[in-house]
Amino acid sequence: GKSEFVPLRHEVGKSFDQVKVSWHLLSSSVGDTGDGVPGSYAPNT
């Protein structure tokens, strides 16, 4: 339920063409290597 604003500043003469977002790192277990495997997924969107 928390929000965060991230200002994206490009270099002079350059611009962004895409932004990649990831927030769940799959791993065999929960810990420093990742967030583990989800127990369930949404049946659709």
PDB file of all heavy atoms in Angstrom:
ATOM      1  N   GLY A   1       0.789  -1.231   0.000  1.00  0.00           N
ATOM      2  CA  GLY A   1       0.000   0.000   0.000  1.00  0.00           C
ATOM      3  C   GLY A   1       0.816   1.273   0.000  1.00  0.00           C
ATOM      4  O   GLY A   1       0.256   2.352   0.157  1.00  0.00           O
ATOM      5  N   LYS A   2       2.123   1.184  -0.172  1.00  0.00           N
ATOM      6  CA  LYS A   2       2.975   2.361  -0.159  1.00  0.00           C
ATOM      7  C   LYS A   2       3.325   2.774  -1.587  1.00  0.00           C
ATOM      8  O   LYS A   2       3.390   1.957  -2.497  1.00  0.00           O
ATOM      9  CB  LYS A   2       4.264   2.097   0.620  1.00  0.00           C
ATOM     10  CG  LYS A   2       4.041   1.656   2.064  1.00  0.00           C
ATOM     11  CD  LYS A   2       3.407   2.754   2.895  1.00  0.00           C
ATOM     12  CE  LYS A   2       3.264   2.319   4.346  1.00  0.00           C
ATOM     13  NZ  LYS A   2       2.676   3.381   5.195  1.00  0.00           N
ATOM     14  N   SER A   3       3.583   4.064  -1.762  1.00  0.00           N
ATOM     15  CA  SER A   3       3.951   4.593  -3.068  1.00  0.00           C
ATOM     16  C   SER A   3       5.301   5.285  -2.978  1.00  0.00           C
ATOM     17  O   SER A   3       5.694   5.777  -1.914  1.00  0.00           O
ATOM     18  CB  SER A   3       2.901   5.599  -3.571  1.00  0.00           C
ATOM     19  OG  SER A   3       1.646   4.974  -3.729  1.00  0.00           O
ATOM     20  N   GLU A   4       5.980   5.311  -4.093  1.00  0.00           N
ATOM     21  CA  GLU A   4       7.273   5.985  -4.155  1.00  0.00           C
ATOM     22  C   GLU A   4       7.424   6.644  -5.511  1.00  0.00           C
ATOM     23  O   GLU A   4       7.109   6.050  -6.540  1.00  0.00           O
ATOM     24  CB  GLU A   4       8.415   5.001  -3.910  1.00  0.00           C
ATOM     25  CG  GLU A   4       9.781   5.655  -3.897  1.00  0.00           C
ATOM     26  CD  GLU A   4      10.879   4.713  -3.449  1.00  0.00           C
ATOM     27  OE1 GLU A   4      10.547   3.569  -3.079  1.00  0.00           O
ATOM     28  OE2 GLU A   4      12.048   5.104  -3.470  1.00  0.00           O
ATOM     29  N   PHE A   5       7.905   7.880  -5.506  1.00  0.00           N
ATOM     30  CA  PHE A   5       8.134   8.623  -6.734  1.00  0.00           C
ATOM     31  C   PHE A   5       9.618   8.558  -7.071  1.00  0.00           C
ATOM     32  O   PHE A   5      10.468   8.886  -6.237  1.00  0.00           O
ATOM     33  CB  PHE A   5       7.685  10.079  -6.590  1.00  0.00           C
ATOM     34  CG  PHE A   5       6.193  10.238  -6.470  1.00  0.00           C
ATOM     35  CD1 PHE A   5       5.581  10.212  -5.230  1.00  0.00           C
ATOM     36  CD2 PHE A   5       5.415  10.405  -7.602  1.00  0.00           C
ATOM     37  CE1 PHE A   5       4.208  10.347  -5.102  1.00  0.00           C
ATOM     38  CE2 PHE A   5       4.043  10.540  -7.489  1.00  0.00           C
ATOM     39  CZ  PHE A   5       3.431  10.514  -6.241  1.00  0.00           C
ATOM     40  N   VAL A   6       9.908   8.155  -8.302  1.00  0.00           N
ATOM     41  CA  VAL A   6      11.293   8.033  -8.747  1.00  0.00           C
ATOM     42  C   VAL A   6      11.491   8.969  -9.939  1.00  0.00           C
ATOM     43  O   VAL A   6      10.978   8.710 -11.038  1.00  0.00           O
ATOM     44  CB  VAL A   6      11.626   6.588  -9.163  1.00  0.00           C
ATOM     45  CG1 VAL A   6      13.082   6.484  -9.595  1.00  0.00           C
ATOM     46  CG2 VAL A   6      11.321   5.625  -8.022  1.00  0.00           C
ATOM     47  N   PRO A   7      12.208  10.072  -9.769  1.00  0.00           N
ATOM     48  CA  PRO A   7      12.464  10.971 -10.909  1.00  0.00           C
ATOM     49  C   PRO A   7      13.462  10.346 -11.873  1.00  0.00           C
ATOM     50  O   PRO A   7      14.512   9.853 -11.470  1.00  0.00           O
ATOM     51  CB  PRO A   7      13.046  12.221 -10.245  1.00  0.00           C
ATOM     52  CG  PRO A   7      13.627  11.744  -8.954  1.00  0.00           C
ATOM     53  CD  PRO A   7      12.776  10.581  -8.513  1.00  0.00           C
ATOM     54  N   LEU A   8      13.116  10.324 -13.149  1.00  0.00           N
ATOM     55  CA  LEU A   8      13.984   9.780 -14.189  1.00  0.00           C
ATOM     56  C   LEU A   8      14.607  10.923 -14.959  1.00  0.00           C
ATOM     57  O   LEU A   8      13.910  11.646 -15.677  1.00  0.00           O
ATOM     58  CB  LEU A   8      13.186   8.871 -15.129  1.00  0.00           C
ATOM     59  CG  LEU A   8      12.481   7.673 -14.481  1.00  0.00           C
ATOM     60  CD1 LEU A   8      11.681   6.908 -15.523  1.00  0.00           C
ATOM     61  CD2 LEU A   8      13.488   6.757 -13.800  1.00  0.00           C
ATOM     62  N   ARG A   9      15.897  11.090 -14.804  1.00  0.00           N
ATOM     63  CA  ARG A   9      16.612  12.178 -15.483  1.00  0.00           C
ATOM     64  C   ARG A   9      17.574  11.570 -16.501  1.00  0.00           C
ATOM     65  O   ARG A   9      18.393  10.728 -16.156  1.00  0.00           O
ATOM     66  CB  ARG A   9      17.386  13.026 -14.473  1.00  0.00           C
ATOM     67  CG  ARG A   9      16.506  13.684 -13.419  1.00  0.00           C
ATOM     68  CD  ARG A   9      17.335  14.606 -12.535  1.00  0.00           C
ATOM     69  NE  ARG A   9      16.519  15.294 -11.548  1.00  0.00           N
ATOM     70  CZ  ARG A   9      16.272  14.835 -10.327  1.00  0.00           C
ATOM     71  NH1 ARG A   9      16.813  13.690  -9.931  1.00  0.00           N
ATOM     72  NH2 ARG A   9      15.516  15.509  -9.479  1.00  0.00           N
ATOM     73  N   HIS A  10      17.464  12.007 -17.734  1.00  0.00           N
ATOM     74  CA  HIS A  10      18.316  11.460 -18.787  1.00  0.00           C
ATOM     75  C   HIS A  10      19.552  12.343 -18.987  1.00  0.00           C
ATOM     76  O   HIS A  10      19.607  13.490 -18.548  1.00  0.00           O
ATOM     77  CB  HIS A  10      17.536  11.337 -20.089  1.00  0.00           C
ATOM     78  CG  HIS A  10      17.009  12.648 -20.598  1.00  0.00           C
ATOM     79  ND1 HIS A  10      17.787  13.560 -21.274  1.00  0.00           N
ATOM     80  CD2 HIS A  10      15.768  13.200 -20.510  1.00  0.00           C
ATOM     81  CE1 HIS A  10      17.070  14.614 -21.599  1.00  0.00           C
ATOM     82  NE2 HIS A  10      15.842  14.435 -21.151  1.00  0.00           N
ATOM     83  N   GLU A  11      20.527  11.760 -19.656  1.00  0.00           N
ATOM     84  CA  GLU A  11      21.722  12.511 -19.984  1.00  0.00           C
ATOM     85  C   GLU A  11      21.414  13.536 -21.067  1.00  0.00           C
ATOM     86  O   GLU A  11      20.436  13.415 -21.814  1.00  0.00           O
ATOM     87  CB  GLU A  11      22.825  11.573 -20.476  1.00  0.00           C
ATOM     88  CG  GLU A  11      23.290  10.557 -19.447  1.00  0.00           C
ATOM     89  CD  GLU A  11      24.389   9.678 -19.997  1.00  0.00           C
ATOM     90  OE1 GLU A  11      25.484  10.213 -20.291  1.00  0.00           O
ATOM     91  OE2 GLU A  11      24.172   8.465 -20.154  1.00  0.00           O
ATOM     92  N   VAL A  12      22.256  14.544 -21.136  1.00  0.00           N
ATOM     93  CA  VAL A  12      22.068  15.590 -22.145  1.00  0.00           C
ATOM     94  C   VAL A  12      22.193  14.977 -23.536  1.00  0.00           C
ATOM     95  O   VAL A  12      23.140  14.243 -23.836  1.00  0.00           O
ATOM     96  CB  VAL A  12      23.117  16.707 -21.958  1.00  0.00           C
ATOM     97  CG1 VAL A  12      22.963  17.759 -23.049  1.00  0.00           C
ATOM     98  CG2 VAL A  12      22.978  17.331 -20.581  1.00  0.00           C
ATOM     99  N   GLY A  13      21.208  15.260 -24.376  1.00  0.00           N
ATOM    100  CA  GLY A  13      21.226  14.742 -25.735  1.00  0.00           C
ATOM    101  C   GLY A  13      20.687  13.341 -25.874  1.00  0.00           C
ATOM    102  O   GLY A  13      20.693  12.790 -26.976  1.00  0.00           O
ATOM    103  N   LYS A  14      20.236  12.725 -24.775  1.00  0.00           N
ATOM    104  CA  LYS A  14      19.684  11.382 -24.826  1.00  0.00           C
ATOM    105  C   LYS A  14      18.296  11.381 -24.201  1.00  0.00           C
ATOM    106  O   LYS A  14      17.900  12.332 -23.533  1.00  0.00           O
ATOM    107  CB  LYS A  14      20.586  10.393 -24.095  1.00  0.00           C
ATOM    108  CG  LYS A  14      21.991  10.274 -24.677  1.00  0.00           C
ATOM    109  CD  LYS A  14      22.811   9.247 -23.918  1.00  0.00           C
ATOM    110  CE  LYS A  14      24.205   9.118 -24.516  1.00  0.00           C
ATOM    111  NZ  LYS A  14      25.035   8.120 -23.794  1.00  0.00           N
ATOM    112  N   SER A  15      17.540  10.298 -24.408  1.00  0.00           N
ATOM    113  CA  SER A  15      16.195  10.181 -23.845  1.00  0.00           C
ATOM    114  C   SER A  15      15.899   8.713 -23.568  1.00  0.00           C
ATOM    115  O   SER A  15      16.599   7.818 -24.049  1.00  0.00           O
ATOM    116  CB  SER A  15      15.150  10.764 -24.803  1.00  0.00           C
ATOM    117  OG  SER A  15      15.182  10.074 -26.044  1.00  0.00           O
ATOM    118  N   PHE A  16      14.845   8.462 -22.794  1.00  0.00           N
ATOM    119  CA  PHE A  16      14.431   7.094 -22.478  1.00  0.00           C
ATOM    120  C   PHE A  16      13.558   6.553 -23.605  1.00  0.00           C
ATOM    121  O   PHE A  16      12.682   7.250 -24.112  1.00  0.00           O
ATOM    122  CB  PHE A  16      13.642   7.059 -21.166  1.00  0.00           C
ATOM    123  CG  PHE A  16      14.453   7.421 -19.955  1.00  0.00           C
ATOM    124  CD1 PHE A  16      14.333   8.668 -19.373  1.00  0.00           C
ATOM    125  CD2 PHE A  16      15.335   6.518 -19.386  1.00  0.00           C
ATOM    126  CE1 PHE A  16      15.078   9.007 -18.255  1.00  0.00           C
ATOM    127  CE2 PHE A  16      16.078   6.831 -18.289  1.00  0.00           C
ATOM    128  CZ  PHE A  16      15.953   8.083 -17.714  1.00  0.00           C
ATOM    129  N   ASP A  17      13.780   5.290 -23.973  1.00  0.00           N
ATOM    130  CA  ASP A  17      12.880   4.643 -24.929  1.00  0.00           C
ATOM    131  C   ASP A  17      12.121   3.490 -24.292  1.00  0.00           C
ATOM    132  O   ASP A  17      11.169   2.969 -24.872  1.00  0.00           O
ATOM    133  CB  ASP A  17      13.655   4.151 -26.156  1.00  0.00           C
ATOM    134  CG  ASP A  17      14.775   3.185 -25.779  1.00  0.00           C
ATOM    135  OD1 ASP A  17      14.937   2.911 -24.577  1.00  0.00           O
ATOM    136  OD2 ASP A  17      15.481   2.739 -26.686  1.00  0.00           O
ATOM    137  N   GLN A  18      12.515   3.053 -23.087  1.00  0.00           N
ATOM    138  CA  GLN A  18      11.774   2.023 -22.373  1.00  0.00           C
ATOM    139  C   GLN A  18      12.178   2.033 -20.897  1.00  0.00           C
ATOM    140  O   GLN A  18      13.258   2.495 -20.529  1.00  0.00           O
ATOM    141  CB  GLN A  18      12.025   0.635 -22.973  1.00  0.00           C
ATOM    142  CG  GLN A  18      13.456   0.151 -22.856  1.00  0.00           C
ATOM    143  CD  GLN A  18      13.631  -1.259 -23.408  1.00  0.00           C
ATOM    144  OE1 GLN A  18      12.659  -1.957 -23.683  1.00  0.00           O
ATOM    145  NE2 GLN A  18      14.871  -1.689 -23.558  1.00  0.00           N
ATOM    146  N   VAL A  19      11.263   1.533 -20.077  1.00  0.00           N
ATOM    147  CA  VAL A  19      11.501   1.387 -18.636  1.00  0.00           C
ATOM    148  C   VAL A  19      11.126  -0.037 -18.257  1.00  0.00           C
ATOM    149  O   VAL A  19       9.997  -0.475 -18.519  1.00  0.00           O
ATOM    150  CB  VAL A  19      10.670   2.394 -17.810  1.00  0.00           C
ATOM    151  CG1 VAL A  19      10.888   2.151 -16.324  1.00  0.00           C
ATOM    152  CG2 VAL A  19      11.042   3.822 -18.170  1.00  0.00           C
ATOM    153  N   LYS A  20      12.043  -0.773 -17.673  1.00  0.00           N
ATOM    154  CA  LYS A  20      11.798  -2.152 -17.272  1.00  0.00           C
ATOM    155  C   LYS A  20      11.558  -2.191 -15.769  1.00  0.00           C
ATOM    156  O   LYS A  20      12.366  -1.676 -14.989  1.00  0.00           O
ATOM    157  CB  LYS A  20      12.990  -3.038 -17.638  1.00  0.00           C
ATOM    158  CG  LYS A  20      12.779  -4.511 -17.298  1.00  0.00           C
ATOM    159  CD  LYS A  20      13.969  -5.346 -17.734  1.00  0.00           C
ATOM    160  CE  LYS A  20      13.761  -6.815 -17.400  1.00  0.00           C
ATOM    161  NZ  LYS A  20      14.929  -7.647 -17.826  1.00  0.00           N
ATOM    162  N   VAL A  21      10.444  -2.803 -15.356  1.00  0.00           N
ATOM    163  CA  VAL A  21      10.061  -2.876 -13.946  1.00  0.00           C
ATOM    164  C   VAL A  21      10.015  -4.337 -13.516  1.00  0.00           C
ATOM    165  O   VAL A  21       9.384  -5.168 -14.177  1.00  0.00           O
ATOM    166  CB  VAL A  21       8.687  -2.213 -13.704  1.00  0.00           C
ATOM    167  CG1 VAL A  21       8.305  -2.307 -12.230  1.00  0.00           C
ATOM    168  CG2 VAL A  21       8.717  -0.760 -14.150  1.00  0.00           C
ATOM    169  N   SER A  22      10.672  -4.678 -12.430  1.00  0.00           N
ATOM    170  CA  SER A  22      10.591  -6.024 -11.855  1.00  0.00           C
ATOM    171  C   SER A  22      10.480  -5.893 -10.348  1.00  0.00           C
ATOM    172  O   SER A  22      11.071  -4.990  -9.753  1.00  0.00           O
ATOM    173  CB  SER A  22      11.828  -6.849 -12.232  1.00  0.00           C
ATOM    174  OG  SER A  22      13.011  -6.240 -11.749  1.00  0.00           O
ATOM    175  N   TRP A  23       9.719  -6.791  -9.720  1.00  0.00           N
ATOM    176  CA  TRP A  23       9.490  -6.647  -8.285  1.00  0.00           C
ATOM    177  C   TRP A  23       9.379  -7.980  -7.551  1.00  0.00           C
ATOM    178  O   TRP A  23       9.132  -8.018  -6.361  1.00  0.00           O
ATOM    179  CB  TRP A  23       8.233  -5.821  -8.015  1.00  0.00           C
ATOM    180  CG  TRP A  23       6.936  -6.497  -8.377  1.00  0.00           C
ATOM    181  CD1 TRP A  23       6.068  -7.125  -7.529  1.00  0.00           C
ATOM    182  CD2 TRP A  23       6.353  -6.614  -9.674  1.00  0.00           C
ATOM    183  NE1 TRP A  23       5.003  -7.633  -8.214  1.00  0.00           N
ATOM    184  CE2 TRP A  23       5.150  -7.319  -9.535  1.00  0.00           C
ATOM    185  CE3 TRP A  23       6.740  -6.190 -10.941  1.00  0.00           C
ATOM    186  CZ2 TRP A  23       4.334  -7.606 -10.617  1.00  0.00           C
ATOM    187  CZ3 TRP A  23       5.927  -6.473 -12.021  1.00  0.00           C
ATOM    188  CH2 TRP A  23       4.736  -7.166 -11.857  1.00  0.00           C
ATOM    189  N   HIS A  24       9.565  -9.101  -8.254  1.00  0.00           N
ATOM    190  CA  HIS A  24       9.552 -10.406  -7.593  1.00  0.00           C
ATOM    191  C   HIS A  24      10.625 -11.274  -8.223  1.00  0.00           C
ATOM    192  O   HIS A  24      10.538 -11.622  -9.401  1.00  0.00           O
ATOM    193  CB  HIS A  24       8.186 -11.089  -7.716  1.00  0.00           C
ATOM    194  CG  HIS A  24       8.083 -12.333  -6.865  1.00  0.00           C
ATOM    195  ND1 HIS A  24       7.483 -12.340  -5.626  1.00  0.00           N
ATOM    196  CD2 HIS A  24       8.521 -13.606  -7.075  1.00  0.00           C
ATOM    197  CE1 HIS A  24       7.551 -13.556  -5.104  1.00  0.00           C
ATOM    198  NE2 HIS A  24       8.184 -14.341  -5.967  1.00  0.00           N
ATOM    199  N   LEU A  25      11.651 -11.599  -7.454  1.00  0.00           N
ATOM    200  CA  LEU A  25      12.761 -12.396  -7.959  1.00  0.00           C
ATOM    201  C   LEU A  25      12.533 -13.856  -7.598  1.00  0.00           C
ATOM    202  O   LEU A  25      12.534 -14.230  -6.421  1.00  0.00           O
ATOM    203  CB  LEU A  25      14.082 -11.913  -7.362  1.00  0.00           C
ATOM    204  CG  LEU A  25      15.352 -12.644  -7.828  1.00  0.00           C
ATOM    205  CD1 LEU A  25      15.531 -12.484  -9.334  1.00  0.00           C
ATOM    206  CD2 LEU A  25      16.574 -12.115  -7.090  1.00  0.00           C
ATOM    207  N   LEU A  26      12.294 -14.695  -8.601  1.00  0.00           N
ATOM    208  CA  LEU A  26      12.039 -16.115  -8.364  1.00  0.00           C
ATOM    209  C   LEU A  26      13.306 -16.811  -7.865  1.00  0.00           C
ATOM    210  O   LEU A  26      14.401 -16.583  -8.379  1.00  0.00           O
ATOM    211  CB  LEU A  26      11.560 -16.786  -9.646  1.00  0.00           C
ATOM    212  CG  LEU A  26      10.153 -16.439 -10.128  1.00  0.00           C
ATOM    213  CD1 LEU A  26       9.860 -17.109 -11.460  1.00  0.00           C
ATOM    214  CD2 LEU A  26       9.109 -16.853  -9.094  1.00  0.00           C
ATOM    215  N   SER A  27      13.139 -17.637  -6.858  1.00  0.00           N
ATOM    216  CA  SER A  27      14.248 -18.425  -6.316  1.00  0.00           C
ATOM    217  C   SER A  27      13.677 -19.658  -5.630  1.00  0.00           C
ATOM    218  O   SER A  27      12.473 -19.746  -5.378  1.00  0.00           O
ATOM    219  CB  SER A  27      15.073 -17.593  -5.319  1.00  0.00           C
ATOM    220  OG  SER A  27      14.272 -17.190  -4.232  1.00  0.00           O
ATOM    221  N   SER A  28      14.536 -20.610  -5.338  1.00  0.00           N
ATOM    222  CA  SER A  28      14.079 -21.854  -4.720  1.00  0.00           C
ATOM    223  C   SER A  28      13.592 -21.642  -3.293  1.00  0.00           C
ATOM    224  O   SER A  28      12.774 -22.400  -2.780  1.00  0.00           O
ATOM    225  CB  SER A  28      15.204 -22.897  -4.744  1.00  0.00           C
ATOM    226  OG  SER A  28      16.353 -22.393  -4.069  1.00  0.00           O
ATOM    227  N   SER A  29      14.097 -20.626  -2.618  1.00  0.00           N
ATOM    228  CA  SER A  29      13.696 -20.340  -1.241  1.00  0.00           C
ATOM    229  C   SER A  29      13.698 -18.842  -1.025  1.00  0.00           C
ATOM    230  O   SER A  29      14.286 -18.082  -1.808  1.00  0.00           O
ATOM    231  CB  SER A  29      14.633 -21.034  -0.240  1.00  0.00           C
ATOM    232  OG  SER A  29      15.955 -20.572  -0.405  1.00  0.00           O
ATOM    233  N   VAL A  30      13.046 -18.427   0.051  1.00  0.00           N
ATOM    234  CA  VAL A  30      12.992 -17.006   0.393  1.00  0.00           C
ATOM    235  C   VAL A  30      14.248 -16.636   1.176  1.00  0.00           C
ATOM    236  O   VAL A  30      14.593 -17.294   2.158  1.00  0.00           O
ATOM    237  CB  VAL A  30      11.735 -16.693   1.223  1.00  0.00           C
ATOM    238  CG1 VAL A  30      11.691 -15.210   1.589  1.00  0.00           C
ATOM    239  CG2 VAL A  30      10.480 -17.076   0.457  1.00  0.00           C
ATOM    240  N   GLY A  31      14.940 -15.629   0.717  1.00  0.00           N
ATOM    241  CA  GLY A  31      16.156 -15.219   1.403  1.00  0.00           C
ATOM    242  C   GLY A  31      16.911 -14.201   0.587  1.00  0.00           C
ATOM    243  O   GLY A  31      16.328 -13.455  -0.218  1.00  0.00           O
ATOM    244  N   ASP A  32      18.233 -14.178   0.768  1.00  0.00           N
ATOM    245  CA  ASP A  32      19.064 -13.210   0.071  1.00  0.00           C
ATOM    246  C   ASP A  32      19.094 -13.443  -1.428  1.00  0.00           C
ATOM    247  O   ASP A  32      19.375 -12.519  -2.203  1.00  0.00           O
ATOM    248  CB  ASP A  32      20.494 -13.248   0.623  1.00  0.00           C
ATOM    249  CG  ASP A  32      20.563 -12.825   2.083  1.00  0.00           C
ATOM    250  OD1 ASP A  32      19.658 -12.082   2.516  1.00  0.00           O
ATOM    251  OD2 ASP A  32      21.504 -13.235   2.781  1.00  0.00           O
ATOM    252  N   THR A  33      18.827 -14.677  -1.862  1.00  0.00           N
ATOM    253  CA  THR A  33      18.903 -14.985  -3.284  1.00  0.00           C
ATOM    254  C   THR A  33      17.621 -14.663  -4.038  1.00  0.00           C
ATOM    255  O   THR A  33      17.612 -14.668  -5.267  1.00  0.00           O
ATOM    256  CB  THR A  33      19.236 -16.470  -3.491  1.00  0.00           C
ATOM    257  OG1 THR A  33      18.228 -17.270  -2.858  1.00  0.00           O
ATOM    258  CG2 THR A  33      20.585 -16.807  -2.874  1.00  0.00           C
ATOM    259  N   GLY A  34      16.525 -14.413  -3.336  1.00  0.00           N
ATOM    260  CA  GLY A  34      15.275 -14.114  -4.023  1.00  0.00           C
ATOM    261  C   GLY A  34      14.078 -14.178  -3.104  1.00  0.00           C
ATOM    262  O   GLY A  34      14.198 -14.341  -1.889  1.00  0.00           O
ATOM    263  N   ASP A  35      12.894 -14.058  -3.712  1.00  0.00           N
ATOM    264  CA  ASP A  35      11.642 -13.988  -2.966  1.00  0.00           C
ATOM    265  C   ASP A  35      10.888 -15.308  -2.929  1.00  0.00           C
ATOM    266  O   ASP A  35       9.755 -15.363  -2.463  1.00  0.00           O
ATOM    267  CB  ASP A  35      10.737 -12.908  -3.570  1.00  0.00           C
ATOM    268  CG  ASP A  35      11.420 -11.553  -3.606  1.00  0.00           C
ATOM    269  OD1 ASP A  35      11.989 -11.175  -2.567  1.00  0.00           O
ATOM    270  OD2 ASP A  35      11.402 -10.889  -4.653  1.00  0.00           O
ATOM    271  N   GLY A  36      11.491 -16.382  -3.454  1.00  0.00           N
ATOM    272  CA  GLY A  36      10.829 -17.677  -3.449  1.00  0.00           C
ATOM    273  C   GLY A  36       9.848 -17.825  -4.602  1.00  0.00           C
ATOM    274  O   GLY A  36       9.676 -16.937  -5.434  1.00  0.00           O
ATOM    275  N   VAL A  37       9.190 -18.982  -4.659  1.00  0.00           N
ATOM    276  CA  VAL A  37       8.198 -19.268  -5.694  1.00  0.00           C
ATOM    277  C   VAL A  37       6.806 -19.000  -5.131  1.00  0.00           C
ATOM    278  O   VAL A  37       6.461 -19.518  -4.061  1.00  0.00           O
ATOM    279  CB  VAL A  37       8.301 -20.735  -6.162  1.00  0.00           C
ATOM    280  CG1 VAL A  37       7.240 -21.041  -7.208  1.00  0.00           C
ATOM    281  CG2 VAL A  37       9.703 -21.014  -6.699  1.00  0.00           C
ATOM    282  N   PRO A  38       5.983 -18.195  -5.793  1.00  0.00           N
ATOM    283  CA  PRO A  38       4.638 -17.922  -5.278  1.00  0.00           C
ATOM    284  C   PRO A  38       3.835 -19.203  -5.109  1.00  0.00           C
ATOM    285  O   PRO A  38       3.941 -20.139  -5.911  1.00  0.00           O
ATOM    286  CB  PRO A  38       4.029 -17.013  -6.352  1.00  0.00           C
ATOM    287  CG  PRO A  38       5.199 -16.400  -7.044  1.00  0.00           C
ATOM    288  CD  PRO A  38       6.277 -17.438  -7.016  1.00  0.00           C
ATOM    289  N   GLY A  39       3.006 -19.236  -4.074  1.00  0.00           N
ATOM    290  CA  GLY A  39       2.181 -20.411  -3.839  1.00  0.00           C
ATOM    291  C   GLY A  39       1.002 -20.490  -4.776  1.00  0.00           C
ATOM    292  O   GLY A  39       0.532 -21.582  -5.098  1.00  0.00           O
ATOM    293  N   SER A  40       0.510 -19.342  -5.237  1.00  0.00           N
ATOM    294  CA  SER A  40      -0.642 -19.304  -6.144  1.00  0.00           C
ATOM    295  C   SER A  40      -0.504 -18.102  -7.057  1.00  0.00           C
ATOM    296  O   SER A  40       0.122 -17.099  -6.694  1.00  0.00           O
ATOM    297  CB  SER A  40      -1.959 -19.218  -5.363  1.00  0.00           C
ATOM    298  OG  SER A  40      -2.084 -20.290  -4.446  1.00  0.00           O
ATOM    299  N   TYR A  41      -1.122 -18.221  -8.237  1.00  0.00           N
ATOM    300  CA  TYR A  41      -1.170 -17.109  -9.181  1.00  0.00           C
ATOM    301  C   TYR A  41      -2.618 -16.739  -9.441  1.00  0.00           C
ATOM    302  O   TYR A  41      -3.536 -17.523  -9.193  1.00  0.00           O
ATOM    303  CB  TYR A  41      -0.498 -17.479 -10.508  1.00  0.00           C
ATOM    304  CG  TYR A  41       1.013 -17.501 -10.463  1.00  0.00           C
ATOM    305  CD1 TYR A  41       1.700 -18.709 -10.321  1.00  0.00           C
ATOM    306  CD2 TYR A  41       1.752 -16.333 -10.574  1.00  0.00           C
ATOM    307  CE1 TYR A  41       3.084 -18.742 -10.293  1.00  0.00           C
ATOM    308  CE2 TYR A  41       3.141 -16.351 -10.541  1.00  0.00           C
ATOM    309  CZ  TYR A  41       3.798 -17.552 -10.397  1.00  0.00           C
ATOM    310  OH  TYR A  41       5.169 -17.590 -10.366  1.00  0.00           O
ATOM    311  N   ALA A  42      -2.797 -15.563  -9.971  1.00  0.00           N
ATOM    312  CA  ALA A  42      -4.144 -15.151 -10.357  1.00  0.00           C
ATOM    313  C   ALA A  42      -4.625 -16.013 -11.515  1.00  0.00           C
ATOM    314  O   ALA A  42      -3.848 -16.335 -12.416  1.00  0.00           O
ATOM    315  CB  ALA A  42      -4.148 -13.684 -10.761  1.00  0.00           C
ATOM    316  N   PRO A  43      -5.896 -16.430 -11.507  1.00  0.00           N
ATOM    317  CA  PRO A  43      -6.412 -17.256 -12.617  1.00  0.00           C
ATOM    318  C   PRO A  43      -6.445 -16.499 -13.933  1.00  0.00           C
ATOM    319  O   PRO A  43      -6.444 -17.099 -14.994  1.00  0.00           O
ATOM    320  CB  PRO A  43      -7.818 -17.632 -12.141  1.00  0.00           C
ATOM    321  CG  PRO A  43      -8.179 -16.561 -11.166  1.00  0.00           C
ATOM    322  CD  PRO A  43      -6.907 -16.161 -10.483  1.00  0.00           C
ATOM    323  N   ASN A  44      -6.478 -15.184 -13.868  1.00  0.00           N
ATOM    324  CA  ASN A  44      -6.440 -14.343 -15.072  1.00  0.00           C
ATOM    325  C   ASN A  44      -5.903 -12.984 -14.645  1.00  0.00           C
ATOM    326  O   ASN A  44      -5.205 -12.890 -13.641  1.00  0.00           O
ATOM    327  CB  ASN A  44      -7.843 -14.244 -15.712  1.00  0.00           C
ATOM    328  CG  ASN A  44      -8.912 -13.953 -14.660  1.00  0.00           C
ATOM    329  OD1 ASN A  44      -8.756 -13.052 -13.839  1.00  0.00           O
ATOM    330  ND2 ASN A  44      -9.980 -14.733 -14.684  1.00  0.00           N
ATOM    331  N   THR A  45      -6.235 -11.961 -15.381  1.00  0.00           N
ATOM    332  CA  THR A  45      -5.735 -10.633 -15.039  1.00  0.00           C
ATOM    333  C   THR A  45      -6.513  -9.983 -13.908  1.00  0.00           C
ATOM    334  O   THR A  45      -6.223  -8.847 -13.534  1.00  0.00           O
ATOM    335  CB  THR A  45      -5.790  -9.719 -16.275  1.00  0.00           C
ATOM    336  OG1 THR A  45      -7.139  -9.664 -16.749  1.00  0.00           O
ATOM    337  CG2 THR A  45      -4.871 -10.240 -17.368  1.00  0.00           C
TER     338      THR A  45
END
